[in-house]
Amino acid sequence: MDVETVHAEEHTPRTHWEHFTHDALLGVRGVGRSMEQAFEMAALGLCALVTDPRSVEAHEELEVACQSADHDELLADWLRAVVGAMAGRRMRFQCFAVRLDGLNLFGHGFGERAGQARHGMNVAVTGASLTGVSVRQGPEGVWTAEALVDF
């Protein structure tokens, strides 16, 4: 009998964000080893629609607390708070940290005020509507958090 040795590192999912399209809307998807990481990556993907996060320095911190009836609505509330900071405070973000306690979210965004010289003004953020919001755990424990965004 042949036995194949599999190292855990080889099958550890890569935490990332991505953009996708669905019915002419742009979507953001966060993937992580935990629901918290998926929420962080979804917010980063949302921000990347406006500004490359690699061009942002972490000079300011945004604190967000949300509570919802289910995880899908919690993701929507979290992403709305990020959009609100991007619109109202003209913030651009480099990274996020999320902690979940049941259906309570405690989040932090790290970034700076938008400056046209470094961040460009690709999209003027005034708000966003979110549809198709979904949080799910897939094979091997991988979490996905996604939403369709209309700025």
C-alpha atoms as a PDB file:
ATOM      1  CA  MET A   1       0.000   0.000   0.000  1.00  0.00           C
ATOM      2  CA  ASP A   2       1.399   3.373  -0.992  1.00  0.00           C
ATOM      3  CA  VAL A   3       0.945   6.143   1.534  1.00  0.00           C
ATOM      4  CA  GLU A   4       1.079   9.713   0.399  1.00  0.00           C
ATOM      5  CA  THR A   5       2.435  12.139   2.943  1.00  0.00           C
ATOM      6  CA  VAL A   6       0.646  15.482   2.852  1.00  0.00           C
ATOM      7  CA  HIS A   7       2.092  18.455   4.642  1.00  0.00           C
ATOM      8  CA  ALA A   8      -0.479  20.796   6.154  1.00  0.00           C
ATOM      9  CA  GLU A   9       1.277  23.865   4.736  1.00  0.00           C
ATOM     10  CA  GLU A  10       0.655  22.651   1.201  1.00  0.00           C
ATOM     11  CA  HIS A  11      -3.118  22.699   1.687  1.00  0.00           C
ATOM     12  CA  THR A  12      -3.462  25.770   3.865  1.00  0.00           C
ATOM     13  CA  PRO A  13      -5.726  28.194   2.002  1.00  0.00           C
ATOM     14  CA  ARG A  14      -4.217  31.498   1.006  1.00  0.00           C
ATOM     15  CA  THR A  15      -5.921  34.481   2.588  1.00  0.00           C
ATOM     16  CA  HIS A  16      -6.843  36.913  -0.191  1.00  0.00           C
ATOM     17  CA  TRP A  17      -9.422  39.215  -1.746  1.00  0.00           C
ATOM     18  CA  GLU A  18     -10.694  39.289  -5.290  1.00  0.00           C
ATOM     19  CA  HIS A  19     -13.084  41.181  -7.530  1.00  0.00           C
ATOM     20  CA  PHE A  20     -15.741  39.532  -9.693  1.00  0.00           C
ATOM     21  CA  THR A  21     -18.702  40.583 -11.825  1.00  0.00           C
ATOM     22  CA  HIS A  22     -22.280  39.385 -11.673  1.00  0.00           C
ATOM     23  CA  ASP A  23     -25.175  40.855 -13.697  1.00  0.00           C
ATOM     24  CA  ALA A  24     -23.159  43.987 -14.568  1.00  0.00           C
ATOM     25  CA  LEU A  25     -22.321  44.646 -10.903  1.00  0.00           C
ATOM     26  CA  LEU A  26     -18.865  44.468  -9.416  1.00  0.00           C
ATOM     27  CA  GLY A  27     -18.369  42.162  -6.470  1.00  0.00           C
ATOM     28  CA  VAL A  28     -15.795  41.818  -3.717  1.00  0.00           C
ATOM     29  CA  ARG A  29     -14.834  38.507  -2.161  1.00  0.00           C
ATOM     30  CA  GLY A  30     -12.683  37.873   0.876  1.00  0.00           C
ATOM     31  CA  VAL A  31     -11.263  34.418   1.551  1.00  0.00           C
ATOM     32  CA  GLY A  32      -9.615  33.326   4.785  1.00  0.00           C
ATOM     33  CA  ARG A  33      -8.904  30.532   7.211  1.00  0.00           C
ATOM     34  CA  SER A  34     -11.390  32.133   9.620  1.00  0.00           C
ATOM     35  CA  MET A  35     -14.544  34.182   9.255  1.00  0.00           C
ATOM     36  CA  GLU A  36     -12.638  37.156  10.682  1.00  0.00           C
ATOM     37  CA  GLN A  37      -9.992  36.912   7.953  1.00  0.00           C
ATOM     38  CA  ALA A  38     -12.682  36.647   5.280  1.00  0.00           C
ATOM     39  CA  PHE A  39     -14.319  39.847   6.621  1.00  0.00           C
ATOM     40  CA  GLU A  40     -10.938  41.626   6.667  1.00  0.00           C
ATOM     41  CA  MET A  41     -10.190  40.581   3.102  1.00  0.00           C
ATOM     42  CA  ALA A  42     -13.676  41.547   1.848  1.00  0.00           C
ATOM     43  CA  ALA A  43     -13.179  45.058   3.273  1.00  0.00           C
ATOM     44  CA  LEU A  44      -9.735  45.285   1.687  1.00  0.00           C
ATOM     45  CA  GLY A  45     -11.168  44.180  -1.665  1.00  0.00           C
ATOM     46  CA  LEU A  46     -13.860  46.847  -1.315  1.00  0.00           C
ATOM     47  CA  CYS A  47     -11.210  49.501  -0.706  1.00  0.00           C
ATOM     48  CA  ALA A  48      -9.164  48.250  -3.653  1.00  0.00           C
ATOM     49  CA  LEU A  49     -12.044  49.234  -5.943  1.00  0.00           C
ATOM     50  CA  VAL A  50     -11.094  52.843  -5.143  1.00  0.00           C
ATOM     51  CA  THR A  51      -7.381  52.879  -4.273  1.00  0.00           C
ATOM     52  CA  ASP A  52      -4.540  50.362  -4.344  1.00  0.00           C
ATOM     53  CA  PRO A  53      -4.111  49.480  -0.628  1.00  0.00           C
ATOM     54  CA  ARG A  54      -0.341  49.229  -1.177  1.00  0.00           C
ATOM     55  CA  SER A  55      -0.273  53.005  -1.804  1.00  0.00           C
ATOM     56  CA  VAL A  56      -1.860  53.774   1.579  1.00  0.00           C
ATOM     57  CA  GLU A  57       0.062  54.451   4.780  1.00  0.00           C
ATOM     58  CA  ALA A  58      -1.397  53.591   8.187  1.00  0.00           C
ATOM     59  CA  HIS A  59      -1.577  56.989   9.934  1.00  0.00           C
ATOM     60  CA  GLU A  60      -5.141  56.815  11.247  1.00  0.00           C
ATOM     61  CA  GLU A  61      -7.352  54.145  12.759  1.00  0.00           C
ATOM     62  CA  LEU A  62     -11.069  53.581  12.307  1.00  0.00           C
ATOM     63  CA  GLU A  63     -12.927  51.635  14.999  1.00  0.00           C
ATOM     64  CA  VAL A  64     -16.201  49.921  14.132  1.00  0.00           C
ATOM     65  CA  ALA A  65     -18.603  47.898  16.233  1.00  0.00           C
ATOM     66  CA  CYS A  66     -21.582  46.138  14.613  1.00  0.00           C
ATOM     67  CA  GLN A  67     -24.230  43.720  15.809  1.00  0.00           C
ATOM     68  CA  SER A  68     -26.640  41.897  13.503  1.00  0.00           C
ATOM     69  CA  ALA A  69     -29.116  39.041  13.378  1.00  0.00           C
ATOM     70  CA  ASP A  70     -26.951  36.871  11.087  1.00  0.00           C
ATOM     71  CA  HIS A  71     -23.486  36.761   9.533  1.00  0.00           C
ATOM     72  CA  ASP A  72     -24.605  37.986   6.105  1.00  0.00           C
ATOM     73  CA  GLU A  73     -26.128  41.142   7.597  1.00  0.00           C
ATOM     74  CA  LEU A  74     -23.076  41.551   9.841  1.00  0.00           C
ATOM     75  CA  LEU A  75     -20.825  41.561   6.763  1.00  0.00           C
ATOM     76  CA  ALA A  76     -23.110  44.120   5.086  1.00  0.00           C
ATOM     77  CA  ASP A  77     -22.996  46.370   8.180  1.00  0.00           C
ATOM     78  CA  TRP A  78     -19.192  46.084   8.332  1.00  0.00           C
ATOM     79  CA  LEU A  79     -18.752  46.944   4.657  1.00  0.00           C
ATOM     80  CA  ARG A  80     -21.222  49.860   4.965  1.00  0.00           C
ATOM     81  CA  ALA A  81     -19.148  51.245   7.861  1.00  0.00           C
ATOM     82  CA  VAL A  82     -15.987  51.035   5.734  1.00  0.00           C
ATOM     83  CA  VAL A  83     -17.728  52.788   2.822  1.00  0.00           C
ATOM     84  CA  GLY A  84     -19.024  55.410   5.258  1.00  0.00           C
ATOM     85  CA  ALA A  85     -15.485  56.182   6.393  1.00  0.00           C
ATOM     86  CA  MET A  86     -14.271  56.297   2.794  1.00  0.00           C
ATOM     87  CA  ALA A  87     -17.072  58.736   1.877  1.00  0.00           C
ATOM     88  CA  GLY A  88     -17.496  60.857   5.002  1.00  0.00           C
ATOM     89  CA  ARG A  89     -13.923  61.028   6.254  1.00  0.00           C
ATOM     90  CA  ARG A  90     -12.268  60.516   2.833  1.00  0.00           C
ATOM     91  CA  MET A  91     -10.312  57.600   4.326  1.00  0.00           C
ATOM     92  CA  ARG A  92      -8.334  55.084   2.302  1.00  0.00           C
ATOM     93  CA  PHE A  93      -7.257  51.852   3.976  1.00  0.00           C
ATOM     94  CA  GLN A  94      -4.166  49.675   3.976  1.00  0.00           C
ATOM     95  CA  CYS A  95      -5.403  46.833   6.200  1.00  0.00           C
ATOM     96  CA  PHE A  96      -8.084  45.696   8.634  1.00  0.00           C
ATOM     97  CA  ALA A  97      -8.368  43.667  11.831  1.00  0.00           C
ATOM     98  CA  VAL A  98     -11.672  42.042  12.798  1.00  0.00           C
ATOM     99  CA  ARG A  99     -12.714  40.171  15.914  1.00  0.00           C
ATOM    100  CA  LEU A 100     -16.046  38.376  16.057  1.00  0.00           C
ATOM    101  CA  ASP A 101     -17.908  37.408  19.197  1.00  0.00           C
ATOM    102  CA  GLY A 102     -20.979  35.556  17.987  1.00  0.00           C
ATOM    103  CA  LEU A 103     -22.936  38.122  15.972  1.00  0.00           C
ATOM    104  CA  ASN A 104     -20.933  41.064  17.322  1.00  0.00           C
ATOM    105  CA  LEU A 105     -18.126  42.512  15.217  1.00  0.00           C
ATOM    106  CA  PHE A 106     -15.285  44.664  16.522  1.00  0.00           C
ATOM    107  CA  GLY A 107     -13.225  45.998  13.637  1.00  0.00           C
ATOM    108  CA  HIS A 108     -10.298  48.303  13.042  1.00  0.00           C
ATOM    109  CA  GLY A 109      -9.227  49.868   9.760  1.00  0.00           C
ATOM    110  CA  PHE A 110      -5.783  51.379   9.336  1.00  0.00           C
ATOM    111  CA  GLY A 111      -5.131  54.017   6.715  1.00  0.00           C
ATOM    112  CA  GLU A 112      -5.028  57.716   5.946  1.00  0.00           C
ATOM    113  CA  ARG A 113      -7.006  60.565   4.413  1.00  0.00           C
ATOM    114  CA  ALA A 114      -7.260  60.428   0.636  1.00  0.00           C
ATOM    115  CA  GLY A 115      -4.729  62.460  -1.301  1.00  0.00           C
ATOM    116  CA  GLN A 116      -5.013  62.712  -5.061  1.00  0.00           C
ATOM    117  CA  ALA A 117      -1.241  62.691  -5.595  1.00  0.00           C
ATOM    118  CA  ARG A 118      -0.756  59.185  -4.176  1.00  0.00           C
ATOM    119  CA  HIS A 119      -4.203  57.619  -4.213  1.00  0.00           C
ATOM    120  CA  GLY A 120      -5.712  59.030  -7.386  1.00  0.00           C
ATOM    121  CA  MET A 121      -9.398  59.727  -7.609  1.00  0.00           C
ATOM    122  CA  ASN A 122     -10.571  56.721  -9.594  1.00  0.00           C
ATOM    123  CA  VAL A 123     -13.931  56.555  -7.849  1.00  0.00           C
ATOM    124  CA  ALA A 124     -15.500  59.330  -5.813  1.00  0.00           C
ATOM    125  CA  VAL A 125     -17.066  57.445  -2.929  1.00  0.00           C
ATOM    126  CA  THR A 126     -20.377  58.874  -1.758  1.00  0.00           C
ATOM    127  CA  GLY A 127     -21.895  55.639  -0.534  1.00  0.00           C
ATOM    128  CA  ALA A 128     -22.661  52.161  -1.783  1.00  0.00           C
ATOM    129  CA  SER A 129     -25.524  49.738  -1.924  1.00  0.00           C
ATOM    130  CA  LEU A 130     -24.732  46.112  -1.240  1.00  0.00           C
ATOM    131  CA  THR A 131     -26.580  43.095  -2.610  1.00  0.00           C
ATOM    132  CA  GLY A 132     -25.847  39.405  -2.852  1.00  0.00           C
ATOM    133  CA  VAL A 133     -24.154  39.449   0.549  1.00  0.00           C
ATOM    134  CA  SER A 134     -22.990  35.988   1.581  1.00  0.00           C
ATOM    135  CA  VAL A 135     -20.812  34.483   4.297  1.00  0.00           C
ATOM    136  CA  ARG A 136     -20.104  30.777   4.082  1.00  0.00           C
ATOM    137  CA  GLN A 137     -17.647  28.107   5.108  1.00  0.00           C
ATOM    138  CA  GLY A 138     -16.493  25.805   2.356  1.00  0.00           C
ATOM    139  CA  PRO A 139     -14.402  22.677   2.053  1.00  0.00           C
ATOM    140  CA  GLU A 140     -11.488  22.284   4.428  1.00  0.00           C
ATOM    141  CA  GLY A 141     -12.771  25.110   6.639  1.00  0.00           C
ATOM    142  CA  VAL A 142     -12.148  27.934   4.164  1.00  0.00           C
ATOM    143  CA  TRP A 143     -14.366  30.986   4.756  1.00  0.00           C
ATOM    144  CA  THR A 144     -15.715  33.254   2.019  1.00  0.00           C
ATOM    145  CA  ALA A 145     -17.354  36.652   2.563  1.00  0.00           C
ATOM    146  CA  GLU A 146     -18.688  38.415  -0.522  1.00  0.00           C
ATOM    147  CA  ALA A 147     -21.011  41.157  -1.709  1.00  0.00           C
ATOM    148  CA  LEU A 148     -22.013  42.947  -4.894  1.00  0.00           C
ATOM    149  CA  VAL A 149     -21.252  46.674  -4.717  1.00  0.00           C
ATOM    150  CA  ASP A 150     -22.907  49.586  -6.487  1.00  0.00           C
ATOM    151  CA  PHE A 151     -21.157  52.923  -5.792  1.00  0.00           C
END
